[in-house]
Amino acid sequence: MIHQFISIKNVGNFVNVSFKSPQWNGILEKYNAFYADNGSGKTTLTQIFKSTQEAKFAQELLKKRTLDSTSGIDIVYMNDNHQRCNYTNARWNNYDKKIDIFDSYYIEDNVYIITLGNYQDPGSYYEVVVGDNAIKTYKEIIALVAKRKKEKTRRRNWSSSLKELVDEQPITDIKAKIKNSQKLSIEIGKKIATLEEKQVKEAEEFGMKYLSKINFFLTKLGTQLQITKLNKVSSRFVYYVSIAGHELRSDSRTVSLKHTLSEGEKNCLAFAFFLARLDLRSDIADRSVIFDDPISSLDNNRRNITLNVLTRFAKSCKQFILLSHDMKFINDFKTKIEETQVLKIVKSQESSKILPFDIKRASLTGIFKDILVLREFAEKGELSDHDPRDVVRCLRPVLEGFIRLKYYKHIAPGEWLGNFINKIRNANKGDVFYSQKNNLHDIEDINDYSKTYHHSNPNYMEGPIVTSELRSYCKLIFEVIERL
């Protein structure tokens, strides 16, 4: 897993990023969430994570090289074994197989056909479908296939040498070697056949578990899709999807899943594939799990279910990384797992950067955001991060907001703080507003002070603001609210 980023250079918008600043030191925690606006570098960062898996993904990262860059891609990070990992010349000096990544590429590769490949060139998703036991058997077969190939090469060399020999004894010896090698190849072939039968059985057993898990997650995600069969056909796995009473084969040319399924259904299907395999992994506690925009094309009901599923897997794996353009989704995940480190990919003209991000503050809206501003200024005064004029503008909306909540039956939509003040002034004993007589002076004081800096005043930008006075009003407004 990635413990700490050191630097990222010439990858997409990450032109020259060094993680030595006091803002963020590049260390990834167990739980991490990256928020990013469109075009800032979220997909690029996912591809960087993916490139650490294996050489072919490292090669693909070259496509993300920064435009007009005169230098190659250069990335450095420290893994959890304190090894320095470097990406140069389109390859890493260390790869990490224990990473599972769900992204748009996974969706495209899994919704239609799962390619198994062959012994010389196994498909990308061979391991995904056949299971750990079948993979172990597969590796035994690979070793035997290599051994048989070696024997074949030896026989060919021996046969070539016979043409140059004239003495009987060397010829006899070599022929004996060839014969023994042929016998050995036959024995190896028998072992391969036995192991292939074993592998098919193991793959079928796992396939049934896999199919069951896929359907479990499809049901959980609230879709009507179901996988009815999962069959090995030559070097591929094909599956059958039940849609509105019809069974569609994943590799069908007449009725294409690509055009039949909606974007949401395709996403759900691939997401269920990924979750099912993740759930069946025996080594999940040793793995890093990365989700890049898992809620794309999902409705609100599926968003909530997705959030619960991600929370479960995050707690089970070694390291969890969530990337999303959806601030609310990341905020909800942070609420589920409070210790989540939230970061933001910030795009600038020079280079995208990764900085700590206060998702709770950024997610606040309306009166809640204004309350936070007033409270921080009341506590810190001019040492806070807020411009005094922005603080002043929060006074009236906050006071009006609390009044509307308390007296929601008695204040019309078009009435504001001035109307409320008049209702108090004119209230007689027994009236609903009479109890606020003791607050009237302070409410009037806050109103008069805030009006000076309100945009309706043509000179509101000219009046000086004394921060100590403003701080007193920030404290006063909370006292008034307590007495409402």
Protein backbone atom coordinates (compact mmCIF):
# COMPACT_ATOMS: atom_id res chain seq x y z
CA MET A 1 0.00 0.00 0.00
CA ILE A 2 1.04 3.63 -0.43
CA HIS A 3 2.16 5.06 2.88
CA GLN A 4 3.43 8.45 1.74
CA PHE A 5 3.64 10.32 -1.55
CA ILE A 6 6.97 12.09 -2.02
CA SER A 7 6.47 13.72 -5.43
CA ILE A 8 4.39 13.56 -8.62
CA LYS A 9 5.69 15.17 -11.81
CA ASN A 10 4.38 15.45 -15.36
CA VAL A 11 1.20 13.37 -14.95
CA GLY A 12 -1.87 15.15 -16.30
CA ASN A 13 -2.49 18.27 -14.23
CA PHE A 14 0.07 17.16 -11.64
CA VAL A 15 2.93 19.02 -13.25
CA ASN A 16 5.24 19.39 -10.26
CA VAL A 17 3.94 18.37 -6.85
CA SER A 18 6.20 17.92 -3.85
CA PHE A 19 4.62 16.75 -0.60
CA LYS A 20 6.86 18.63 1.83
CA SER A 21 4.54 21.51 2.66
CA PRO A 22 3.14 21.91 6.18
CA GLN A 23 -0.37 21.71 4.70
CA TRP A 24 -0.13 18.01 3.79
CA ASN A 25 2.89 15.74 4.09
CA GLY A 26 1.64 13.13 1.59
CA ILE A 27 0.82 10.46 4.20
CA LEU A 28 -2.22 8.29 3.45
CA GLU A 29 -4.12 6.93 6.44
CA LYS A 30 -6.25 3.78 6.69
CA TYR A 31 -9.32 5.74 5.56
CA ASN A 32 -8.89 8.40 2.87
CA ALA A 33 -11.33 10.40 0.74
CA PHE A 34 -10.39 12.71 -2.14
CA TYR A 35 -12.81 15.41 -3.26
CA ALA A 36 -12.19 16.96 -6.68
CA ASP A 37 -13.91 19.34 -9.06
CA ASN A 38 -14.22 18.18 -12.69
CA GLY A 39 -10.95 18.37 -14.58
CA SER A 40 -8.74 18.80 -11.53
CA GLY A 41 -7.05 15.38 -11.63
CA LYS A 42 -9.22 12.77 -9.90
CA THR A 43 -9.08 10.25 -12.76
CA THR A 44 -5.35 10.87 -13.15
CA LEU A 45 -4.76 10.11 -9.48
CA THR A 46 -6.77 6.89 -9.84
CA GLN A 47 -4.58 5.90 -12.79
CA ILE A 48 -1.49 6.52 -10.67
CA PHE A 49 -2.85 4.16 -8.02
CA LYS A 50 -3.70 1.63 -10.72
CA SER A 51 -0.24 1.82 -12.30
CA THR A 52 1.30 0.44 -9.10
CA GLN A 53 -0.53 -2.88 -9.63
CA GLU A 54 1.36 -4.27 -12.61
CA ALA A 55 3.56 -3.41 -15.58
CA LYS A 56 0.81 -3.09 -18.21
CA PHE A 57 -0.98 -0.42 -16.16
CA ALA A 58 2.34 1.33 -15.61
CA GLN A 59 2.74 1.46 -19.39
CA GLU A 60 -0.79 2.85 -19.80
CA LEU A 61 0.04 5.71 -17.44
CA LEU A 62 2.23 7.14 -20.23
CA LYS A 63 -1.01 8.27 -21.92
CA LYS A 64 -1.51 10.69 -18.99
CA ARG A 65 1.80 12.47 -19.49
CA THR A 66 1.40 16.24 -19.13
CA LEU A 67 0.90 18.00 -22.45
CA ASP A 68 3.92 19.99 -23.69
CA SER A 69 6.08 18.41 -20.98
CA THR A 70 9.76 18.17 -21.92
CA SER A 71 10.44 15.55 -19.22
CA GLY A 72 9.06 12.10 -18.53
CA ILE A 73 6.67 11.06 -15.78
CA ASP A 74 8.38 10.85 -12.40
CA ILE A 75 6.56 9.62 -9.28
CA VAL A 76 8.01 8.68 -5.90
CA TYR A 77 6.24 7.22 -2.87
CA MET A 78 7.08 5.18 0.22
CA ASN A 79 5.18 1.94 0.80
CA ASP A 80 4.20 0.50 4.17
CA ASN A 81 7.39 -1.61 4.19
CA HIS A 82 9.46 1.62 4.14
CA GLN A 83 10.59 0.91 0.57
CA ARG A 84 11.08 3.83 -1.81
CA CYS A 85 9.02 3.19 -4.94
CA ASN A 86 9.96 5.06 -8.14
CA TYR A 87 8.17 5.40 -11.46
CA THR A 88 10.65 6.14 -14.25
CA ASN A 89 10.85 5.03 -17.88
CA ALA A 90 7.24 3.79 -17.77
CA ARG A 91 7.75 1.27 -14.99
CA TRP A 92 7.88 0.95 -11.21
CA ASN A 93 10.76 -0.59 -9.33
CA ASN A 94 8.13 -2.23 -7.07
CA TYR A 95 4.59 -3.41 -7.83
CA ASP A 96 1.75 -4.10 -5.41
CA LYS A 97 -0.67 -6.83 -6.46
CA LYS A 98 -2.86 -6.40 -3.39
CA ILE A 99 -4.93 -3.52 -4.77
CA ASP A 100 -8.54 -3.63 -5.95
CA ILE A 101 -9.80 -0.64 -7.96
CA PHE A 102 -13.32 0.15 -9.09
CA ASP A 103 -13.43 2.83 -11.78
CA SER A 104 -15.00 3.56 -15.17
CA TYR A 105 -12.59 1.14 -16.86
CA TYR A 106 -13.74 -1.67 -14.60
CA ILE A 107 -17.32 -0.95 -15.64
CA GLU A 108 -16.48 -1.15 -19.35
CA ASP A 109 -14.41 -4.33 -18.98
CA ASN A 110 -16.89 -6.25 -16.84
CA VAL A 111 -20.35 -5.51 -18.15
CA TYR A 112 -19.91 -7.26 -21.48
CA ILE A 113 -17.34 -10.07 -21.67
CA ILE A 114 -14.89 -11.42 -19.10
CA THR A 115 -11.83 -12.71 -20.96
CA LEU A 116 -9.86 -15.56 -19.41
CA GLY A 117 -7.11 -15.74 -22.02
CA ASN A 118 -4.78 -18.74 -22.06
CA TYR A 119 -1.71 -20.05 -20.23
CA GLN A 120 0.65 -17.83 -22.15
CA ASP A 121 -1.52 -14.71 -21.93
CA PRO A 122 -4.12 -14.90 -19.13
CA GLY A 123 -6.95 -12.41 -19.36
CA SER A 124 -7.06 -9.41 -17.07
CA TYR A 125 -10.01 -10.76 -15.10
CA TYR A 126 -9.01 -14.43 -14.91
CA GLU A 127 -8.35 -14.13 -11.19
CA VAL A 128 -11.59 -12.22 -10.66
CA VAL A 129 -13.79 -15.07 -11.77
CA VAL A 130 -12.18 -18.44 -11.04
CA GLY A 131 -11.21 -17.96 -7.39
CA ASP A 132 -8.09 -18.41 -5.28
CA ASN A 133 -8.00 -22.24 -5.33
CA ALA A 134 -8.32 -22.38 -9.11
CA ILE A 135 -5.58 -19.75 -9.43
CA LYS A 136 -3.25 -21.91 -7.31
CA THR A 137 -3.98 -24.90 -9.56
CA TYR A 138 -3.55 -22.67 -12.61
CA LYS A 139 -0.03 -21.75 -11.45
CA GLU A 140 0.84 -25.43 -11.07
CA ILE A 141 -0.36 -26.00 -14.64
CA ILE A 142 1.73 -23.05 -15.86
CA ALA A 143 4.85 -24.59 -14.27
CA LEU A 144 4.17 -27.98 -15.89
CA VAL A 145 3.46 -26.40 -19.30
CA ALA A 146 6.82 -24.63 -19.08
CA LYS A 147 8.54 -27.88 -18.10
CA ARG A 148 6.95 -29.74 -21.03
CA LYS A 149 8.01 -26.97 -23.40
CA LYS A 150 11.55 -27.23 -22.07
CA GLU A 151 11.57 -30.98 -22.73
CA LYS A 152 10.37 -30.39 -26.28
CA THR A 153 13.22 -27.94 -26.87
CA ARG A 154 15.74 -30.45 -25.50
CA ARG A 155 14.45 -33.18 -27.84
CA ARG A 156 14.68 -30.84 -30.81
CA ASN A 157 18.29 -30.03 -29.95
CA TRP A 158 19.17 -33.67 -29.45
CA SER A 159 17.56 -34.61 -32.77
CA SER A 160 19.61 -31.93 -34.52
CA SER A 161 22.83 -33.24 -32.98
CA LEU A 162 22.14 -36.76 -34.31
CA LYS A 163 22.76 -35.56 -37.85
CA GLU A 164 26.37 -34.82 -37.03
CA LEU A 165 27.15 -38.10 -35.19
CA VAL A 166 28.60 -41.26 -36.77
CA ASP A 167 29.56 -43.41 -33.77
CA GLU A 168 26.89 -45.86 -32.67
CA GLN A 169 27.17 -45.39 -28.89
CA PRO A 170 26.59 -41.61 -28.75
CA ILE A 171 23.70 -42.07 -31.17
CA THR A 172 22.17 -44.76 -28.94
CA ASP A 173 22.60 -42.59 -25.82
CA ILE A 174 20.93 -39.59 -27.41
CA LYS A 175 18.05 -41.68 -28.73
CA ALA A 176 17.56 -43.02 -25.20
CA LYS A 177 17.46 -39.46 -23.87
CA ILE A 178 14.88 -38.52 -26.47
CA LYS A 179 12.75 -41.55 -25.58
CA ASN A 180 12.93 -40.79 -21.84
CA SER A 181 12.07 -37.17 -22.55
CA GLN A 182 9.03 -38.25 -24.59
CA LYS A 183 7.87 -40.43 -21.70
CA LEU A 184 8.36 -37.53 -19.29
CA SER A 185 6.34 -35.22 -21.57
CA ILE A 186 3.53 -37.78 -21.68
CA GLU A 187 3.53 -37.97 -17.85
CA ILE A 188 3.54 -34.18 -17.64
CA GLY A 189 0.61 -34.09 -20.09
CA LYS A 190 -1.35 -36.50 -17.87
CA LYS A 191 -0.67 -34.34 -14.81
CA ILE A 192 -1.75 -31.23 -16.74
CA ALA A 193 -4.98 -32.95 -17.82
CA THR A 194 -5.70 -33.99 -14.21
CA LEU A 195 -5.00 -30.49 -12.93
CA GLU A 196 -7.14 -28.95 -15.68
CA GLU A 197 -10.07 -31.13 -14.59
CA LYS A 198 -9.43 -30.08 -11.01
CA GLN A 199 -9.23 -26.44 -12.04
CA VAL A 200 -12.51 -26.60 -13.94
CA LYS A 201 -14.23 -28.08 -10.89
CA GLU A 202 -12.71 -25.45 -8.59
CA ALA A 203 -13.66 -22.69 -11.01
CA GLU A 204 -17.22 -23.99 -11.28
CA GLU A 205 -17.57 -24.20 -7.50
CA PHE A 206 -16.26 -20.67 -7.12
CA GLY A 207 -18.41 -19.54 -10.04
CA MET A 208 -21.55 -20.62 -8.18
CA LYS A 209 -20.46 -18.69 -5.08
CA TYR A 210 -19.58 -15.72 -7.25
CA LEU A 211 -22.93 -15.79 -9.05
CA SER A 212 -24.77 -15.97 -5.72
CA LYS A 213 -22.80 -13.01 -4.35
CA ILE A 214 -23.39 -10.96 -7.51
CA ASN A 215 -27.14 -11.50 -7.21
CA PHE A 216 -27.00 -10.68 -3.50
CA PHE A 217 -25.48 -7.28 -4.23
CA LEU A 218 -27.78 -6.66 -7.22
CA THR A 219 -30.74 -7.21 -4.91
CA LYS A 220 -29.18 -5.02 -2.25
CA LEU A 221 -28.70 -2.24 -4.79
CA GLY A 222 -32.41 -2.36 -5.54
CA THR A 223 -32.20 -3.41 -9.19
CA GLN A 224 -34.34 -6.04 -10.91
CA LEU A 225 -31.30 -7.44 -12.74
CA GLN A 226 -30.24 -10.98 -11.86
CA ILE A 227 -27.51 -13.28 -13.22
CA THR A 228 -29.05 -16.65 -14.07
CA LYS A 229 -25.98 -18.49 -15.41
CA LEU A 230 -22.21 -18.05 -15.52
CA ASN A 231 -20.53 -20.38 -18.06
CA LYS A 232 -16.99 -20.92 -19.29
CA VAL A 233 -16.92 -20.84 -23.09
CA SER A 234 -13.46 -21.47 -24.53
CA SER A 235 -11.26 -18.68 -23.13
CA ARG A 236 -14.15 -16.57 -21.85
CA PHE A 237 -16.80 -16.50 -19.20
CA VAL A 238 -20.21 -15.49 -20.43
CA TYR A 239 -23.19 -14.85 -18.22
CA TYR A 240 -26.93 -14.55 -18.68
CA VAL A 241 -28.85 -11.57 -17.33
CA SER A 242 -32.53 -11.68 -16.53
CA ILE A 243 -34.17 -8.39 -17.57
CA ALA A 244 -37.95 -7.94 -17.41
CA GLY A 245 -38.55 -11.66 -17.97
CA HIS A 246 -35.98 -11.95 -20.77
CA GLU A 247 -32.64 -13.76 -20.56
CA LEU A 248 -29.84 -11.94 -22.36
CA ARG A 249 -26.43 -13.46 -22.97
CA SER A 250 -23.52 -11.11 -22.20
CA ASP A 251 -21.80 -11.75 -25.55
CA SER A 252 -24.95 -11.66 -27.66
CA ARG A 253 -24.58 -9.81 -30.95
CA THR A 254 -28.29 -9.64 -31.68
CA VAL A 255 -29.38 -8.08 -28.37
CA SER A 256 -26.45 -6.06 -27.00
CA LEU A 257 -26.22 -5.38 -23.27
CA LYS A 258 -24.33 -2.23 -24.16
CA HIS A 259 -27.44 -0.80 -25.79
CA THR A 260 -30.12 -2.58 -23.75
CA LEU A 261 -28.96 -1.60 -20.26
CA SER A 262 -29.20 1.96 -18.99
CA GLU A 263 -26.10 3.65 -17.63
CA GLY A 264 -27.38 3.08 -14.10
CA GLU A 265 -27.98 -0.64 -14.78
CA LYS A 266 -24.52 -1.08 -16.31
CA ASN A 267 -22.97 0.65 -13.34
CA CYS A 268 -24.96 -1.50 -10.90
CA LEU A 269 -24.00 -4.68 -12.72
CA ALA A 270 -20.28 -3.93 -12.74
CA PHE A 271 -20.45 -2.65 -9.16
CA ALA A 272 -22.08 -5.90 -8.05
CA PHE A 273 -19.33 -7.89 -9.86
CA PHE A 274 -16.66 -5.92 -8.04
CA LEU A 275 -18.29 -6.13 -4.61
CA ALA A 276 -18.93 -9.86 -5.00
CA ARG A 277 -15.28 -10.61 -5.77
CA LEU A 278 -14.15 -8.33 -2.97
CA ASP A 279 -16.47 -10.11 -0.56
CA LEU A 280 -15.04 -13.49 -1.54
CA ARG A 281 -11.40 -12.49 -1.10
CA SER A 282 -9.77 -14.39 1.73
CA ASP A 283 -7.02 -11.77 2.11
CA ILE A 284 -9.16 -8.61 2.25
CA ALA A 285 -7.44 -7.52 5.48
CA ASP A 286 -4.15 -7.25 3.56
CA ARG A 287 -5.51 -5.33 0.58
CA SER A 288 -5.95 -1.71 -0.49
CA VAL A 289 -9.40 -0.96 -1.91
CA ILE A 290 -10.00 2.09 -4.12
CA PHE A 291 -13.34 3.40 -5.38
CA ASP A 292 -13.38 6.13 -8.02
CA ASP A 293 -16.87 7.70 -8.22
CA PRO A 294 -18.83 4.58 -7.21
CA ILE A 295 -22.13 6.51 -7.14
CA SER A 296 -22.09 7.66 -10.77
CA SER A 297 -25.55 7.17 -12.34
CA LEU A 298 -27.08 5.91 -9.07
CA ASP A 299 -30.32 7.26 -7.63
CA ASN A 300 -30.57 8.43 -4.01
CA ASN A 301 -31.73 5.05 -2.70
CA ARG A 302 -28.70 3.32 -4.21
CA ARG A 303 -26.42 6.09 -2.95
CA ASN A 304 -27.41 5.32 0.63
CA ILE A 305 -26.96 1.58 0.16
CA THR A 306 -23.63 2.16 -1.57
CA LEU A 307 -22.49 4.28 1.37
CA ASN A 308 -23.27 1.46 3.80
CA VAL A 309 -21.51 -1.14 1.63
CA LEU A 310 -18.38 1.02 1.26
CA THR A 311 -18.29 1.61 5.01
CA ARG A 312 -18.33 -2.12 5.61
CA PHE A 313 -15.49 -2.87 3.19
CA ALA A 314 -13.48 0.14 4.41
CA LYS A 315 -13.43 -1.33 7.90
CA SER A 316 -12.38 -4.76 6.57
CA CYS A 317 -9.46 -3.82 4.31
CA LYS A 318 -5.95 -2.59 5.08
CA GLN A 319 -6.32 0.77 3.34
CA PHE A 320 -9.38 2.43 1.85
CA ILE A 321 -9.42 5.26 -0.70
CA LEU A 322 -12.57 6.98 -2.01
CA LEU A 323 -12.47 9.54 -4.83
CA SER A 324 -15.51 11.55 -5.86
CA HIS A 325 -16.84 14.77 -7.39
CA ASP A 326 -19.77 14.54 -4.95
CA MET A 327 -19.06 16.57 -1.83
CA LYS A 328 -22.19 15.36 -0.05
CA PHE A 329 -21.28 11.71 -0.58
CA ILE A 330 -17.79 12.23 0.85
CA ASN A 331 -19.26 14.18 3.77
CA ASP A 332 -21.70 11.33 4.46
CA PHE A 333 -18.83 8.82 4.36
CA LYS A 334 -16.84 11.00 6.78
CA THR A 335 -19.88 11.00 9.07
CA LYS A 336 -19.92 7.19 8.96
CA ILE A 337 -16.17 6.88 9.64
CA GLU A 338 -15.11 10.03 11.49
CA GLU A 339 -11.38 9.25 11.35
CA THR A 340 -11.39 9.46 7.53
CA GLN A 341 -8.71 11.80 6.19
CA VAL A 342 -10.39 14.08 3.64
CA LEU A 343 -8.24 15.72 0.95
CA LYS A 344 -9.02 17.95 -2.00
CA ILE A 345 -7.39 17.99 -5.42
CA VAL A 346 -6.99 21.69 -6.17
CA LYS A 347 -6.29 22.78 -9.74
CA SER A 348 -4.22 25.89 -10.37
CA GLN A 349 -2.63 27.33 -13.49
CA GLU A 350 0.76 25.85 -12.59
CA SER A 351 -0.17 22.41 -11.23
CA SER A 352 -2.87 20.51 -9.39
CA LYS A 353 -2.14 19.99 -5.71
CA ILE A 354 -3.52 17.82 -2.93
CA LEU A 355 -4.48 19.64 0.26
CA PRO A 356 -6.37 18.84 3.48
CA PHE A 357 -10.07 19.63 3.15
CA ASP A 358 -12.53 20.50 5.91
CA ILE A 359 -15.48 18.70 4.36
CA LYS A 360 -17.77 19.44 7.29
CA ARG A 361 -17.27 23.17 6.96
CA ALA A 362 -17.50 23.10 3.17
CA SER A 363 -20.76 21.13 3.32
CA LEU A 364 -22.49 23.65 5.55
CA THR A 365 -25.09 25.81 3.85
CA GLY A 366 -27.24 28.83 4.71
CA ILE A 367 -27.76 29.65 8.36
CA PHE A 368 -25.49 26.81 9.57
CA LYS A 369 -22.53 28.24 7.69
CA ASP A 370 -23.30 31.75 9.01
CA ILE A 371 -23.52 30.44 12.59
CA LEU A 372 -20.07 28.89 12.24
CA VAL A 373 -18.63 32.19 10.97
CA LEU A 374 -20.14 34.16 13.88
CA ARG A 375 -19.03 31.62 16.48
CA GLU A 376 -15.44 31.53 15.20
CA PHE A 377 -15.24 35.33 15.14
CA ALA A 378 -16.74 35.51 18.63
CA GLU A 379 -14.02 33.13 19.84
CA LYS A 380 -10.99 34.40 17.88
CA GLY A 381 -11.83 37.90 16.69
CA GLU A 382 -9.36 39.21 14.12
CA LEU A 383 -7.29 36.03 14.50
CA SER A 384 -10.03 34.12 12.67
CA ASP A 385 -9.87 33.54 8.92
CA HIS A 386 -12.97 35.62 8.18
CA ASP A 387 -13.18 39.08 6.65
CA PRO A 388 -15.03 41.39 9.12
CA ARG A 389 -17.50 42.53 6.45
CA ASP A 390 -18.44 38.91 5.73
CA VAL A 391 -18.99 38.42 9.45
CA VAL A 392 -21.29 41.46 9.72
CA ARG A 393 -23.43 40.15 6.87
CA CYS A 394 -24.12 36.97 8.85
CA LEU A 395 -25.74 38.77 11.83
CA ARG A 396 -29.21 39.49 10.44
CA PRO A 397 -29.74 36.17 8.55
CA VAL A 398 -28.86 34.17 11.68
CA LEU A 399 -31.14 36.19 13.98
CA GLU A 400 -33.98 36.14 11.44
CA GLY A 401 -33.50 32.40 10.91
CA PHE A 402 -33.90 31.52 14.59
CA ILE A 403 -36.89 33.84 14.93
CA ARG A 404 -38.61 32.20 11.94
CA LEU A 405 -38.07 28.76 13.46
CA LYS A 406 -39.53 29.77 16.83
CA TYR A 407 -42.44 31.81 15.48
CA TYR A 408 -43.05 29.94 12.22
CA LYS A 409 -46.85 30.18 12.73
CA HIS A 410 -46.85 33.92 13.30
CA ILE A 411 -44.43 35.34 10.70
CA ALA A 412 -45.43 35.59 7.04
CA PRO A 413 -42.90 34.72 4.30
CA GLY A 414 -42.49 38.38 3.30
CA GLU A 415 -41.79 39.64 6.83
CA TRP A 416 -38.24 40.29 8.06
CA LEU A 417 -36.37 41.42 11.16
CA GLY A 418 -37.87 44.94 11.08
CA ASN A 419 -41.39 43.48 11.04
CA PHE A 420 -40.54 41.26 13.99
CA ILE A 421 -39.22 44.27 15.97
CA ASN A 422 -42.49 46.11 15.34
CA LYS A 423 -44.50 43.10 16.51
CA ILE A 424 -42.57 43.15 19.81
CA ARG A 425 -42.98 46.91 20.27
CA ASN A 426 -46.73 46.70 19.70
CA ALA A 427 -47.30 43.52 21.69
CA ASN A 428 -49.60 43.64 24.71
CA LYS A 429 -49.57 41.36 27.66
CA GLY A 430 -50.84 37.96 26.56
CA ASP A 431 -49.67 38.38 22.94
CA VAL A 432 -47.30 35.73 21.54
CA PHE A 433 -44.50 38.30 21.05
CA TYR A 434 -44.85 39.93 24.45
CA SER A 435 -42.27 37.58 26.04
CA GLN A 436 -39.58 39.11 23.81
CA LYS A 437 -39.89 42.57 25.35
CA ASN A 438 -36.78 41.86 27.44
CA ASN A 439 -34.88 41.10 24.20
CA LEU A 440 -36.11 44.13 22.29
CA HIS A 441 -33.22 46.48 23.08
CA ASP A 442 -30.55 43.95 22.07
CA ILE A 443 -32.42 42.91 18.89
CA GLU A 444 -32.76 46.58 17.88
CA ASP A 445 -29.09 47.14 18.62
CA ILE A 446 -28.02 44.20 16.42
CA ASN A 447 -30.38 45.33 13.66
CA ASP A 448 -29.11 48.93 13.68
CA TYR A 449 -25.47 47.80 13.71
CA SER A 450 -25.88 45.32 10.84
CA LYS A 451 -27.86 47.81 8.70
CA THR A 452 -24.82 50.09 8.59
CA TYR A 453 -22.95 47.44 6.59
CA HIS A 454 -25.90 46.04 4.63
CA HIS A 455 -25.72 46.29 0.82
CA SER A 456 -28.93 48.40 0.87
CA ASN A 457 -26.83 51.18 2.43
CA PRO A 458 -25.06 52.98 -0.47
CA ASN A 459 -22.06 53.68 1.79
CA TYR A 460 -21.80 50.18 3.30
CA MET A 461 -18.30 49.61 1.87
CA GLU A 462 -16.95 52.87 3.33
CA GLY A 463 -17.80 52.51 7.00
CA PRO A 464 -14.86 51.27 9.11
CA ILE A 465 -15.33 48.11 11.17
CA VAL A 466 -13.86 47.94 14.67
CA THR A 467 -13.14 44.25 15.18
CA SER A 468 -13.51 44.41 18.97
CA GLU A 469 -17.00 45.91 18.54
CA LEU A 470 -17.95 43.33 15.94
CA ARG A 471 -16.73 40.56 18.21
CA SER A 472 -19.02 41.89 20.97
CA TYR A 473 -22.02 41.74 18.62
CA CYS A 474 -21.12 38.18 17.63
CA LYS A 475 -21.21 37.22 21.31
CA LEU A 476 -24.40 39.20 21.89
CA ILE A 477 -26.33 37.47 19.12
CA PHE A 478 -25.80 34.07 20.76
CA GLU A 479 -26.98 35.47 24.10
CA VAL A 480 -30.15 36.79 22.39
CA ILE A 481 -30.75 33.45 20.67
CA GLU A 482 -30.50 31.68 24.04
CA ARG A 483 -33.24 33.99 25.37
CA LEU A 484 -35.61 33.67 22.41
